[in-house]
Amino acid sequence: MENSLQTVIEFIKSHPHIEADKKELLLGALNATKKELDILAFKLDRTEKVKRTTAILLEETIEELEQKRSAVEEALIELKATQAQLVQQEKLASLGQLTAGIAHEIKNPLNFVNNFSDVSLEMIDEALEELKKIGEKERAEERAAGHGAKDAAERVAESGEKQAAEHSSGHASKYIARNAAKYAAEHVDEHVAETGAILADIKSNLAKIHEHGTRADGIVKSMLQHSRGGSGKMEPADLNALVREYVNLAFHGMRAGKDPIDVDIDLQLDESIGEVPIIAEDFSRVILNLCNNAFDAMRETAGKRHPKLTVRTVKKDGALIFEIHDNGTGIPDEIRDKVLQPFFTTKKGTAGTGLGLSITHDIVKAHGGSMEVNSSDEGTVLRVQLKRNTTQQ
């Protein structure tokens, strides 16, 4: 382009028939055009350099972003693994809090099992002894009847009255046999009655052994479900029974732990609720965590007022409401919005992980429910509400 324009300029300069003024005008225009083309060529060259530099920078930026994306993905994987570990640690922590309560709860039914087993063994021995006595009595009476008749016959024969002896022997034999049978019947009935009573007691004891053995089995099963989790599927469960079980376990765990307090527990359970579709092994942790937090709060005010925990279930407008109300310290307004956040804790040192209420909130949300905190200087009410579609049968 530049060469062609230069050729035109040279042609105009050397053309003899072009007037001088016109030649000057044409050459001025062509030189100006040449200068503009030079500027455009410079700008284009600079643009190409910028483009190449930008492409290089863009490629480097993309590579850097890719590296950062990989780093973020790895960090996310590590964060999820850490979160899973923290959740498991919180789970194990709550399981540890349950250990003392579970041991206490298992001890009572196992004591019943052991005690009634020992008593039943003794009763069985007594029953066997009574049956042995019955057999010995019967054999003794049979021998007595035979010996009595023989002795009577011998005494009469000695007097020389053989006929009378035979007659006497017959009557004596009948008399002794009759009275021996009567005596045997009376005592046999007595021993049989005694044996029947002992066996009835054994039956009652075995029923109690079965009852308390089943109770111990249920406690161990609850502990195993809490520690290893279940299928993760919602299945119909007796919510009130679950509440009774885990409030009781939380209470005994607190009583067997450090700084126990005496707490009055008021269970106000709506018996019309029946079975509710929930993940029992998860919802049990909701009950435990809320109870444990309530016990901690009431421990601080135990010197001012007697601790009382009210646990309530109620069905309202098709929804299920589960409440735990303590008369502890209450939650200050400035931190009330933070108590459900992960890792937030008011406990000192390593006393708390800050995950208890956060995990509880996550479990409630997983059940399609919501969680509400109301607090004052007189205590705290933690309310869990499950929606209609969760509570329908």
Protein backbone atom coordinates (compact mmCIF):
# COMPACT_ATOMS: atom_id res chain seq x y z
CA MET A 1 0.00 0.00 0.00
CA GLU A 2 2.78 2.38 0.96
CA ASN A 3 4.82 1.47 -2.15
CA SER A 4 1.85 2.02 -4.48
CA LEU A 5 1.20 5.44 -2.95
CA GLN A 6 4.87 6.38 -3.33
CA THR A 7 4.72 5.34 -7.03
CA VAL A 8 1.71 7.62 -7.61
CA ILE A 9 3.53 10.51 -5.94
CA GLU A 10 6.61 10.00 -8.13
CA PHE A 11 4.40 9.81 -11.23
CA ILE A 12 2.68 13.08 -10.42
CA LYS A 13 5.99 14.81 -9.75
CA SER A 14 7.42 13.69 -13.07
CA HIS A 15 4.29 14.27 -15.24
CA PRO A 16 4.90 17.29 -17.53
CA HIS A 17 1.29 18.04 -18.39
CA ILE A 18 -0.02 18.61 -14.88
CA GLU A 19 -0.16 22.20 -13.85
CA ALA A 20 2.11 23.21 -11.02
CA ASP A 21 -0.62 24.37 -8.65
CA LYS A 22 -2.66 21.21 -9.21
CA LYS A 23 0.43 19.07 -8.90
CA GLU A 24 1.22 20.73 -5.57
CA LEU A 25 -2.35 20.16 -4.35
CA LEU A 26 -2.31 16.51 -5.39
CA LEU A 27 1.07 15.90 -3.83
CA GLY A 28 -0.05 17.56 -0.57
CA ALA A 29 -3.13 15.36 -0.38
CA LEU A 30 -1.16 12.25 -1.19
CA ASN A 31 1.55 13.06 1.38
CA ALA A 32 -1.12 13.67 4.03
CA THR A 33 -2.73 10.35 3.15
CA LYS A 34 0.68 8.67 3.32
CA LYS A 35 1.24 10.15 6.78
CA GLU A 36 -2.17 8.92 7.99
CA LEU A 37 -1.44 5.50 6.60
CA ASP A 38 1.88 5.46 8.44
CA ILE A 39 0.06 6.37 11.67
CA LEU A 40 -2.55 3.67 11.07
CA ALA A 41 0.16 1.13 10.35
CA PHE A 42 1.89 2.07 13.61
CA LYS A 43 -1.36 1.80 15.54
CA LEU A 44 -2.16 -1.52 13.90
CA ASP A 45 1.28 -2.83 14.74
CA ARG A 46 0.89 -1.67 18.31
CA THR A 47 -2.58 -3.24 18.47
CA GLU A 48 -1.17 -6.53 17.26
CA LYS A 49 1.51 -6.40 19.92
CA VAL A 50 -1.09 -5.60 22.59
CA LYS A 51 -3.25 -8.41 21.25
CA ARG A 52 -0.40 -10.87 21.44
CA THR A 53 0.50 -9.65 24.93
CA THR A 54 -3.15 -9.85 26.00
CA ALA A 55 -3.42 -13.38 24.61
CA ILE A 56 -0.35 -14.39 26.55
CA LEU A 57 -1.69 -12.75 29.74
CA LEU A 58 -5.12 -14.30 29.18
CA GLU A 59 -3.58 -17.74 28.76
CA GLU A 60 -1.54 -17.24 31.92
CA THR A 61 -4.64 -15.98 33.75
CA ILE A 62 -6.68 -18.98 32.60
CA GLU A 63 -3.92 -21.30 33.75
CA GLU A 64 -3.73 -19.48 37.09
CA LEU A 65 -7.51 -19.62 37.49
CA GLU A 66 -7.46 -23.33 36.69
CA GLN A 67 -4.83 -23.85 39.35
CA LYS A 68 -6.86 -21.81 41.83
CA ARG A 69 -10.01 -23.75 40.90
CA SER A 70 -8.19 -27.02 41.57
CA ALA A 71 -6.92 -25.63 44.87
CA VAL A 72 -10.44 -24.53 45.83
CA GLU A 73 -11.83 -27.96 44.94
CA GLU A 74 -9.16 -29.64 47.06
CA ALA A 75 -9.86 -27.20 49.89
CA LEU A 76 -13.58 -27.97 49.58
CA ILE A 77 -12.91 -31.71 49.73
CA GLU A 78 -10.73 -31.21 52.81
CA LEU A 79 -13.37 -28.94 54.35
CA LYS A 80 -16.07 -31.55 53.80
CA ALA A 81 -13.82 -34.22 55.30
CA THR A 82 -13.08 -31.96 58.27
CA GLN A 83 -16.76 -31.21 58.69
CA ALA A 84 -17.56 -34.92 58.61
CA GLN A 85 -14.89 -35.53 61.25
CA LEU A 86 -16.22 -32.72 63.42
CA VAL A 87 -19.74 -34.07 63.11
CA GLN A 88 -18.48 -37.51 64.06
CA GLN A 89 -16.57 -36.03 66.99
CA GLU A 90 -19.70 -34.24 68.14
CA LYS A 91 -21.57 -37.49 67.76
CA LEU A 92 -18.99 -39.34 69.81
CA ALA A 93 -19.01 -36.53 72.38
CA SER A 94 -22.76 -36.85 72.82
CA LEU A 95 -22.35 -40.63 72.94
CA GLY A 96 -19.74 -40.18 75.67
CA GLN A 97 -22.19 -38.04 77.62
CA LEU A 98 -24.71 -40.85 77.30
CA THR A 99 -22.35 -43.55 78.53
CA ALA A 100 -22.85 -42.91 82.24
CA GLY A 101 -26.62 -42.62 81.82
CA ILE A 102 -26.75 -45.78 79.76
CA ALA A 103 -24.65 -47.64 82.33
CA HIS A 104 -27.00 -46.46 85.06
CA GLU A 105 -30.07 -47.44 83.05
CA ILE A 106 -28.68 -50.86 82.15
CA LYS A 107 -27.64 -51.53 85.74
CA ASN A 108 -31.20 -51.52 87.11
CA PRO A 109 -32.73 -54.04 84.66
CA LEU A 110 -29.64 -56.23 84.85
CA ASN A 111 -29.90 -56.21 88.65
CA PHE A 112 -33.47 -57.42 88.28
CA VAL A 113 -32.34 -60.12 85.85
CA ASN A 114 -29.57 -61.31 88.16
CA ASN A 115 -31.59 -61.15 91.37
CA PHE A 116 -34.67 -62.86 90.04
CA SER A 117 -32.54 -65.45 88.28
CA ASP A 118 -30.89 -66.31 91.61
CA VAL A 119 -34.24 -66.43 93.42
CA SER A 120 -35.73 -68.59 90.66
CA LEU A 121 -32.87 -71.06 90.94
CA GLU A 122 -33.44 -71.31 94.69
CA MET A 123 -37.17 -71.82 94.13
CA ILE A 124 -36.53 -74.54 91.61
CA ASP A 125 -34.33 -76.28 94.17
CA GLU A 126 -37.13 -75.95 96.73
CA ALA A 127 -39.64 -77.34 94.25
CA LEU A 128 -37.41 -80.31 93.53
CA GLU A 129 -36.99 -80.88 97.28
CA GLU A 130 -40.76 -80.78 97.77
CA LEU A 131 -41.27 -83.30 94.97
CA LYS A 132 -38.62 -85.50 96.57
CA LYS A 133 -40.47 -85.32 99.89
CA ILE A 134 -43.70 -86.34 98.16
CA GLY A 135 -42.02 -89.44 96.75
CA GLU A 136 -40.44 -90.33 100.12
CA LYS A 137 -43.77 -89.86 101.95
CA GLU A 138 -45.58 -92.10 99.53
CA ARG A 139 -42.96 -94.84 99.88
CA ALA A 140 -42.91 -94.49 103.71
CA GLU A 141 -46.70 -94.74 103.92
CA GLU A 142 -46.76 -97.81 101.73
CA ARG A 143 -44.19 -99.48 103.97
CA ALA A 144 -46.07 -98.38 107.13
CA ALA A 145 -49.31 -99.85 105.90
CA GLY A 146 -47.68 -103.24 105.21
CA HIS A 147 -45.71 -103.37 108.50
CA GLY A 148 -48.73 -102.38 110.59
CA ALA A 149 -50.81 -105.26 109.28
CA LYS A 150 -47.99 -107.74 109.84
CA ASP A 151 -47.36 -106.60 113.44
CA ALA A 152 -51.03 -106.87 114.35
CA ALA A 153 -51.25 -110.41 112.99
CA GLU A 154 -48.19 -111.50 114.91
CA ARG A 155 -49.50 -110.14 118.22
CA VAL A 156 -52.84 -111.93 117.85
CA ALA A 157 -51.14 -115.20 116.82
CA GLU A 158 -49.02 -115.15 119.95
CA SER A 159 -52.17 -115.35 122.11
CA GLY A 160 -53.12 -118.62 120.36
CA GLU A 161 -56.21 -117.20 118.78
CA LYS A 162 -55.39 -117.88 115.20
CA GLN A 163 -58.85 -117.24 113.84
CA ALA A 164 -59.19 -114.08 115.75
CA ALA A 165 -55.69 -113.15 114.64
CA GLU A 166 -56.63 -113.57 111.04
CA HIS A 167 -59.78 -111.56 111.61
CA SER A 168 -57.87 -108.92 113.57
CA SER A 169 -55.14 -108.87 110.98
CA GLY A 170 -57.62 -108.09 108.25
CA HIS A 171 -59.30 -105.28 110.24
CA ALA A 172 -55.97 -103.84 111.35
CA SER A 173 -54.64 -103.90 107.85
CA LYS A 174 -57.71 -102.10 106.57
CA TYR A 175 -57.61 -99.55 109.40
CA ILE A 176 -53.91 -98.77 109.02
CA ALA A 177 -54.14 -98.64 105.25
CA ARG A 178 -57.17 -96.36 105.43
CA ASN A 179 -55.54 -93.94 107.89
CA ALA A 180 -52.20 -94.09 106.08
CA ALA A 181 -53.90 -93.24 102.79
CA LYS A 182 -55.77 -90.38 104.47
CA TYR A 183 -52.51 -89.06 105.99
CA ALA A 184 -50.70 -89.44 102.69
CA ALA A 185 -53.47 -87.71 100.77
CA GLU A 186 -53.47 -84.76 103.16
CA HIS A 187 -49.70 -84.30 103.01
CA VAL A 188 -49.47 -85.01 99.30
CA ASP A 189 -52.05 -82.25 98.70
CA GLU A 190 -50.05 -79.96 100.97
CA HIS A 191 -46.78 -80.60 99.11
CA VAL A 192 -48.45 -80.33 95.72
CA ALA A 193 -50.00 -77.00 96.69
CA GLU A 194 -46.64 -75.77 97.94
CA THR A 195 -44.98 -76.91 94.72
CA GLY A 196 -47.65 -75.15 92.63
CA ALA A 197 -47.13 -71.90 94.55
CA ILE A 198 -43.35 -72.10 94.06
CA LEU A 199 -43.74 -72.73 90.35
CA ALA A 200 -46.17 -69.79 90.09
CA ASP A 201 -43.58 -67.54 91.73
CA ILE A 202 -40.94 -68.83 89.33
CA LYS A 203 -43.20 -67.98 86.41
CA SER A 204 -43.69 -64.46 87.76
CA ASN A 205 -39.96 -64.03 88.24
CA LEU A 206 -39.20 -65.25 84.75
CA ALA A 207 -41.71 -62.76 83.39
CA LYS A 208 -39.85 -59.98 85.21
CA ILE A 209 -36.53 -61.30 83.91
CA HIS A 210 -37.92 -61.14 80.38
CA GLU A 211 -39.31 -57.62 80.92
CA HIS A 212 -36.08 -56.16 82.26
CA GLY A 213 -33.90 -58.09 79.83
CA THR A 214 -35.93 -56.58 76.99
CA ARG A 215 -35.46 -53.17 78.58
CA ALA A 216 -31.67 -53.64 78.71
CA ASP A 217 -31.68 -54.82 75.10
CA GLY A 218 -33.61 -51.69 74.06
CA ILE A 219 -31.11 -49.41 75.81
CA VAL A 220 -28.15 -51.08 74.13
CA LYS A 221 -29.94 -50.93 70.78
CA SER A 222 -30.56 -47.20 71.23
CA MET A 223 -26.89 -46.67 72.05
CA LEU A 224 -25.77 -48.58 68.96
CA GLN A 225 -28.19 -46.70 66.71
CA HIS A 226 -26.95 -43.39 68.09
CA SER A 227 -23.28 -44.28 67.59
CA ARG A 228 -23.36 -45.76 64.11
CA GLY A 229 -26.47 -44.22 62.59
CA GLY A 230 -29.12 -46.00 60.60
CA SER A 231 -30.44 -46.12 57.08
CA GLY A 232 -31.01 -42.36 56.94
CA LYS A 233 -34.58 -42.94 55.80
CA MET A 234 -37.64 -41.54 57.50
CA GLU A 235 -39.66 -44.31 59.08
CA PRO A 236 -42.68 -44.19 61.41
CA ALA A 237 -41.53 -44.01 65.03
CA ASP A 238 -43.23 -43.39 68.36
CA LEU A 239 -42.01 -39.85 69.03
CA ASN A 240 -43.22 -39.71 72.63
CA ALA A 241 -41.44 -42.98 73.44
CA LEU A 242 -38.27 -41.59 71.81
CA VAL A 243 -38.57 -38.40 73.87
CA ARG A 244 -39.05 -40.35 77.13
CA GLU A 245 -36.09 -42.62 76.35
CA TYR A 246 -33.55 -39.93 75.47
CA VAL A 247 -34.62 -37.32 78.01
CA ASN A 248 -34.15 -40.05 80.61
CA LEU A 249 -30.74 -41.05 79.20
CA ALA A 250 -29.61 -37.41 79.02
CA PHE A 251 -30.69 -36.86 82.64
CA HIS A 252 -28.85 -39.93 83.96
CA GLY A 253 -25.80 -39.04 81.86
CA MET A 254 -25.76 -35.58 83.46
CA ARG A 255 -26.29 -37.03 86.94
CA ALA A 256 -23.37 -39.44 86.50
CA GLY A 257 -21.08 -36.79 85.02
CA LYS A 258 -19.21 -33.79 86.35
CA ASP A 259 -21.10 -31.25 88.51
CA PRO A 260 -24.46 -33.07 88.60
CA ILE A 261 -27.59 -31.16 89.56
CA ASP A 262 -31.03 -32.25 90.72
CA VAL A 263 -33.59 -31.46 88.02
CA ASP A 264 -37.36 -31.81 88.08
CA ILE A 265 -38.45 -33.13 84.70
CA ASP A 266 -42.01 -32.43 83.56
CA LEU A 267 -43.03 -34.45 80.50
CA GLN A 268 -46.11 -32.96 78.82
CA LEU A 269 -46.55 -35.30 75.88
CA ASP A 270 -49.55 -35.28 73.57
CA GLU A 271 -50.50 -38.96 73.39
CA SER A 272 -52.60 -38.35 70.26
CA ILE A 273 -49.42 -37.84 68.22
CA GLY A 274 -48.67 -41.55 67.85
CA GLU A 275 -46.08 -42.54 65.25
CA VAL A 276 -44.33 -39.86 63.22
CA PRO A 277 -42.13 -40.37 60.11
CA ILE A 278 -38.67 -39.33 61.29
CA ILE A 279 -35.08 -40.56 61.21
CA ALA A 280 -35.09 -41.83 64.80
CA GLU A 281 -31.31 -42.11 65.25
CA ASP A 282 -30.90 -38.49 64.10
CA PHE A 283 -33.84 -37.01 65.97
CA SER A 284 -32.60 -38.68 69.15
CA ARG A 285 -29.52 -36.45 68.86
CA VAL A 286 -31.82 -33.40 68.70
CA ILE A 287 -33.36 -34.45 72.02
CA LEU A 288 -29.97 -35.16 73.60
CA ASN A 289 -28.34 -31.92 72.45
CA LEU A 290 -31.26 -29.75 73.56
CA CYS A 291 -31.42 -31.49 76.96
CA ASN A 292 -27.66 -31.21 77.48
CA ASN A 293 -27.71 -27.50 76.67
CA ALA A 294 -30.61 -27.01 79.07
CA PHE A 295 -28.77 -28.85 81.86
CA ASP A 296 -25.69 -26.67 81.29
CA ALA A 297 -27.78 -23.50 81.51
CA MET A 298 -29.59 -24.63 84.67
CA ARG A 299 -26.33 -25.64 86.35
CA GLU A 300 -25.34 -21.96 86.50
CA THR A 301 -28.58 -20.90 88.24
CA ALA A 302 -29.03 -23.97 90.46
CA GLY A 303 -28.07 -21.88 93.51
CA LYS A 304 -30.81 -19.32 92.81
CA ARG A 305 -33.76 -21.50 91.81
CA HIS A 306 -34.48 -25.20 91.66
CA PRO A 307 -33.79 -26.50 88.12
CA LYS A 308 -36.85 -27.59 86.17
CA LEU A 309 -36.99 -28.96 82.63
CA THR A 310 -40.31 -29.03 80.80
CA VAL A 311 -40.50 -31.19 77.68
CA ARG A 312 -43.60 -30.80 75.56
CA THR A 313 -44.98 -32.35 72.38
CA VAL A 314 -48.19 -31.09 70.80
CA LYS A 315 -49.95 -31.33 67.47
CA LYS A 316 -51.23 -27.97 66.27
CA ASP A 317 -52.84 -27.14 62.92
CA GLY A 318 -51.47 -30.34 61.41
CA ALA A 319 -47.89 -29.51 62.45
CA LEU A 320 -45.89 -31.13 65.24
CA ILE A 321 -44.29 -28.93 67.89
CA PHE A 322 -41.55 -30.23 70.17
CA GLU A 323 -40.40 -27.88 72.95
CA ILE A 324 -37.76 -27.95 75.64
CA HIS A 325 -38.11 -25.26 78.30
CA ASP A 326 -35.48 -24.71 81.00
CA ASN A 327 -35.32 -22.16 83.81
CA GLY A 328 -31.60 -21.55 83.43
CA THR A 329 -29.54 -18.45 82.65
CA GLY A 330 -31.18 -17.56 79.36
CA ILE A 331 -29.40 -16.40 76.19
CA PRO A 332 -28.31 -12.73 75.90
CA ASP A 333 -29.91 -10.79 73.03
CA GLU A 334 -26.54 -9.98 71.42
CA ILE A 335 -25.66 -13.64 70.84
CA ARG A 336 -29.12 -15.13 70.32
CA ASP A 337 -28.80 -15.02 66.54
CA LYS A 338 -25.43 -16.78 66.70
CA VAL A 339 -26.26 -19.84 68.79
CA LEU A 340 -27.27 -21.89 65.74
CA GLN A 341 -24.09 -21.04 63.84
CA PRO A 342 -21.35 -23.70 63.52
CA PHE A 343 -18.46 -23.45 65.99
CA PHE A 344 -20.14 -20.76 68.12
CA THR A 345 -19.94 -21.62 71.80
CA THR A 346 -20.09 -19.78 75.10
CA LYS A 347 -18.36 -22.61 76.95
CA LYS A 348 -14.83 -22.02 78.15
CA GLY A 349 -11.76 -23.84 76.86
CA THR A 350 -12.45 -27.21 75.28
CA ALA A 351 -15.74 -27.72 77.10
CA GLY A 352 -17.70 -27.26 73.89
CA THR A 353 -17.19 -27.66 70.14
CA GLY A 354 -19.86 -25.19 69.10
CA LEU A 355 -21.48 -27.84 66.90
CA GLY A 356 -24.26 -29.18 69.14
CA LEU A 357 -27.02 -26.70 68.28
CA SER A 358 -25.71 -26.30 64.72
CA ILE A 359 -26.00 -30.03 64.05
CA THR A 360 -29.38 -30.04 65.79
CA HIS A 361 -30.55 -27.25 63.47
CA ASP A 362 -29.27 -29.16 60.41
CA ILE A 363 -31.12 -32.31 61.48
CA VAL A 364 -34.34 -30.35 62.00
CA LYS A 365 -33.98 -28.75 58.54
CA ALA A 366 -33.33 -32.18 57.03
CA HIS A 367 -36.71 -33.21 58.48
CA GLY A 368 -38.32 -30.25 56.71
CA GLY A 369 -38.76 -28.38 59.99
CA SER A 370 -37.70 -25.16 61.63
CA MET A 371 -36.12 -24.23 64.94
CA GLU A 372 -36.90 -21.19 67.09
CA VAL A 373 -35.13 -19.80 70.15
CA ASN A 374 -36.95 -17.68 72.74
CA SER A 375 -35.10 -16.61 75.85
CA SER A 376 -35.24 -14.33 78.86
CA ASP A 377 -33.64 -14.03 82.29
CA GLU A 378 -36.07 -16.72 83.49
CA GLY A 379 -34.93 -19.35 81.02
CA THR A 380 -34.99 -20.51 77.41
CA VAL A 381 -37.54 -22.21 75.17
CA LEU A 382 -36.18 -24.12 72.17
CA ARG A 383 -39.03 -24.98 69.82
CA VAL A 384 -38.81 -27.45 66.97
CA GLN A 385 -41.65 -27.45 64.47
CA LEU A 386 -42.11 -30.12 61.82
CA LYS A 387 -44.25 -29.29 58.83
CA ARG A 388 -47.53 -30.92 57.92
CA ASN A 389 -46.08 -33.15 55.17
CA THR A 390 -43.54 -34.56 57.64
CA THR A 391 -46.04 -35.36 60.39
CA GLN A 392 -48.81 -36.83 58.28
CA GLN A 393 -49.30 -40.55 58.67
